[in-house]
C-alpha atoms as a PDB file:
ATOM      1  CA  UNK A   1     -47.852 -50.432  -2.758  1.00  0.00           C
ATOM      2  CA  UNK A   2     -44.175 -49.548  -3.190  1.00  0.00           C
ATOM      3  CA  UNK A   3     -43.276 -51.056   0.180  1.00  0.00           C
ATOM      4  CA  UNK A   4     -45.231 -54.200  -0.727  1.00  0.00           C
ATOM      5  CA  UNK A   5     -43.579 -54.688  -4.116  1.00  0.00           C
ATOM      6  CA  UNK A   6     -40.061 -53.886  -2.857  1.00  0.00           C
ATOM      7  CA  UNK A   7     -40.238 -56.014   0.304  1.00  0.00           C
ATOM      8  CA  UNK A   8     -36.798 -57.712   0.286  1.00  0.00           C
ATOM      9  CA  UNK A   9     -38.183 -61.134   1.213  1.00  0.00           C
ATOM     10  CA  UNK A  10     -40.571 -61.119  -1.767  1.00  0.00           C
ATOM     11  CA  UNK A  11     -39.054 -58.628  -4.193  1.00  0.00           C
ATOM     12  CA  UNK A  12     -38.128 -61.045  -6.984  1.00  0.00           C
ATOM     13  CA  UNK A  13     -41.503 -62.772  -6.917  1.00  0.00           C
ATOM     14  CA  UNK A  14     -43.386 -59.481  -6.857  1.00  0.00           C
ATOM     15  CA  UNK A  15     -41.419 -58.159  -9.837  1.00  0.00           C
ATOM     16  CA  UNK A  16     -42.284 -61.252 -11.901  1.00  0.00           C
ATOM     17  CA  UNK A  17     -43.823 -59.811 -15.066  1.00  0.00           C
ATOM     18  CA  UNK A  18     -45.665 -63.051 -15.798  1.00  0.00           C
ATOM     19  CA  UNK A  19     -47.840 -62.288 -12.759  1.00  0.00           C
ATOM     20  CA  UNK A  20     -48.880 -58.802 -13.878  1.00  0.00           C
ATOM     21  CA  UNK A  21     -52.469 -59.712 -14.860  1.00  0.00           C
ATOM     22  CA  UNK A  22     -53.240 -61.411 -11.539  1.00  0.00           C
ATOM     23  CA  UNK A  23     -51.456 -58.840  -9.395  1.00  0.00           C
ATOM     24  CA  UNK A  24     -53.022 -55.960 -11.331  1.00  0.00           C
ATOM     25  CA  UNK A  25     -56.460 -57.418 -10.669  1.00  0.00           C
ATOM     26  CA  UNK A  26     -55.656 -57.946  -6.982  1.00  0.00           C
ATOM     27  CA  UNK A  27     -54.638 -54.286  -6.610  1.00  0.00           C
ATOM     28  CA  UNK A  28     -57.677 -53.128  -8.570  1.00  0.00           C
ATOM     29  CA  UNK A  29     -60.041 -55.180  -6.411  1.00  0.00           C
ATOM     30  CA  UNK A  30     -58.486 -54.106  -3.103  1.00  0.00           C
ATOM     31  CA  UNK A  31     -57.364 -50.536  -3.765  1.00  0.00           C
ATOM     32  CA  UNK A  32     -58.878 -49.368  -7.044  1.00  0.00           C
ATOM     33  CA  UNK A  33     -57.804 -48.704 -10.607  1.00  0.00           C
ATOM     34  CA  UNK A  34     -55.265 -46.024  -9.704  1.00  0.00           C
ATOM     35  CA  UNK A  35     -53.339 -48.343  -7.379  1.00  0.00           C
ATOM     36  CA  UNK A  36     -53.316 -51.072 -10.021  1.00  0.00           C
ATOM     37  CA  UNK A  37     -51.939 -48.646 -12.602  1.00  0.00           C
ATOM     38  CA  UNK A  38     -49.333 -47.442 -10.120  1.00  0.00           C
ATOM     39  CA  UNK A  39     -48.214 -51.069  -9.670  1.00  0.00           C
ATOM     40  CA  UNK A  40     -47.689 -51.436 -13.430  1.00  0.00           C
ATOM     41  CA  UNK A  41     -45.888 -48.081 -13.598  1.00  0.00           C
ATOM     42  CA  UNK A  42     -43.601 -49.178 -10.753  1.00  0.00           C
ATOM     43  CA  UNK A  43     -42.668 -52.317 -12.678  1.00  0.00           C
ATOM     44  CA  UNK A  44     -42.134 -50.313 -15.860  1.00  0.00           C
ATOM     45  CA  UNK A  45     -39.828 -47.875 -14.065  1.00  0.00           C
ATOM     46  CA  UNK A  46     -37.863 -50.723 -12.491  1.00  0.00           C
ATOM     47  CA  UNK A  47     -37.486 -52.518 -15.841  1.00  0.00           C
ATOM     48  CA  UNK A  48     -36.270 -49.353 -17.562  1.00  0.00           C
ATOM     49  CA  UNK A  49     -33.826 -48.681 -14.742  1.00  0.00           C
ATOM     50  CA  UNK A  50     -32.453 -52.215 -14.768  1.00  0.00           C
ATOM     51  CA  UNK A  51     -31.987 -52.339 -18.534  1.00  0.00           C
ATOM     52  CA  UNK A  52     -30.455 -48.865 -18.645  1.00  0.00           C
ATOM     53  CA  UNK A  53     -27.765 -50.121 -16.259  1.00  0.00           C
ATOM     54  CA  UNK A  54     -27.205 -53.189 -18.448  1.00  0.00           C
ATOM     55  CA  UNK A  55     -26.853 -51.014 -21.550  1.00  0.00           C
ATOM     56  CA  UNK A  56     -24.442 -48.644 -19.792  1.00  0.00           C
ATOM     57  CA  UNK A  57     -22.286 -51.563 -18.666  1.00  0.00           C
ATOM     58  CA  UNK A  58     -22.374 -53.097 -22.141  1.00  0.00           C
ATOM     59  CA  UNK A  59     -21.359 -49.808 -23.731  1.00  0.00           C
ATOM     60  CA  UNK A  60     -18.385 -49.485 -21.374  1.00  0.00           C
ATOM     61  CA  UNK A  61     -17.356 -53.103 -21.970  1.00  0.00           C
ATOM     62  CA  UNK A  62     -17.600 -52.693 -25.750  1.00  0.00           C
ATOM     63  CA  UNK A  63     -15.491 -49.512 -25.660  1.00  0.00           C
ATOM     64  CA  UNK A  64     -12.928 -51.301 -23.537  1.00  0.00           C
ATOM     65  CA  UNK A  65     -12.821 -54.296 -25.881  1.00  0.00           C
ATOM     66  CA  UNK A  66     -12.489 -52.063 -28.950  1.00  0.00           C
ATOM     67  CA  UNK A  67      -9.682 -50.139 -27.286  1.00  0.00           C
ATOM     68  CA  UNK A  68      -7.970 -53.359 -26.191  1.00  0.00           C
ATOM     69  CA  UNK A  69      -7.926 -54.717 -29.704  1.00  0.00           C
ATOM     70  CA  UNK A  70      -6.541 -51.436 -31.087  1.00  0.00           C
ATOM     71  CA  UNK A  71      -9.532 -50.448 -33.151  1.00  0.00           C
ATOM     72  CA  UNK A  72     -10.004 -47.086 -31.513  1.00  0.00           C
END
């Protein structure tokens, strides 16, 4: 499942959260409930990881901007 979802040629499409219901059902039908839940958990982990990086970058940029303008 992880290799399938992270395949470089299809990675963006397979991480499309609008397709979760259909892809969940496909995994459930082919591989069972556990595989379908693992697919959703994989997406959840990836989303958290991506947004944590965004928040870290934003925090650094805000600190830099505050320092630049002499507020800190």
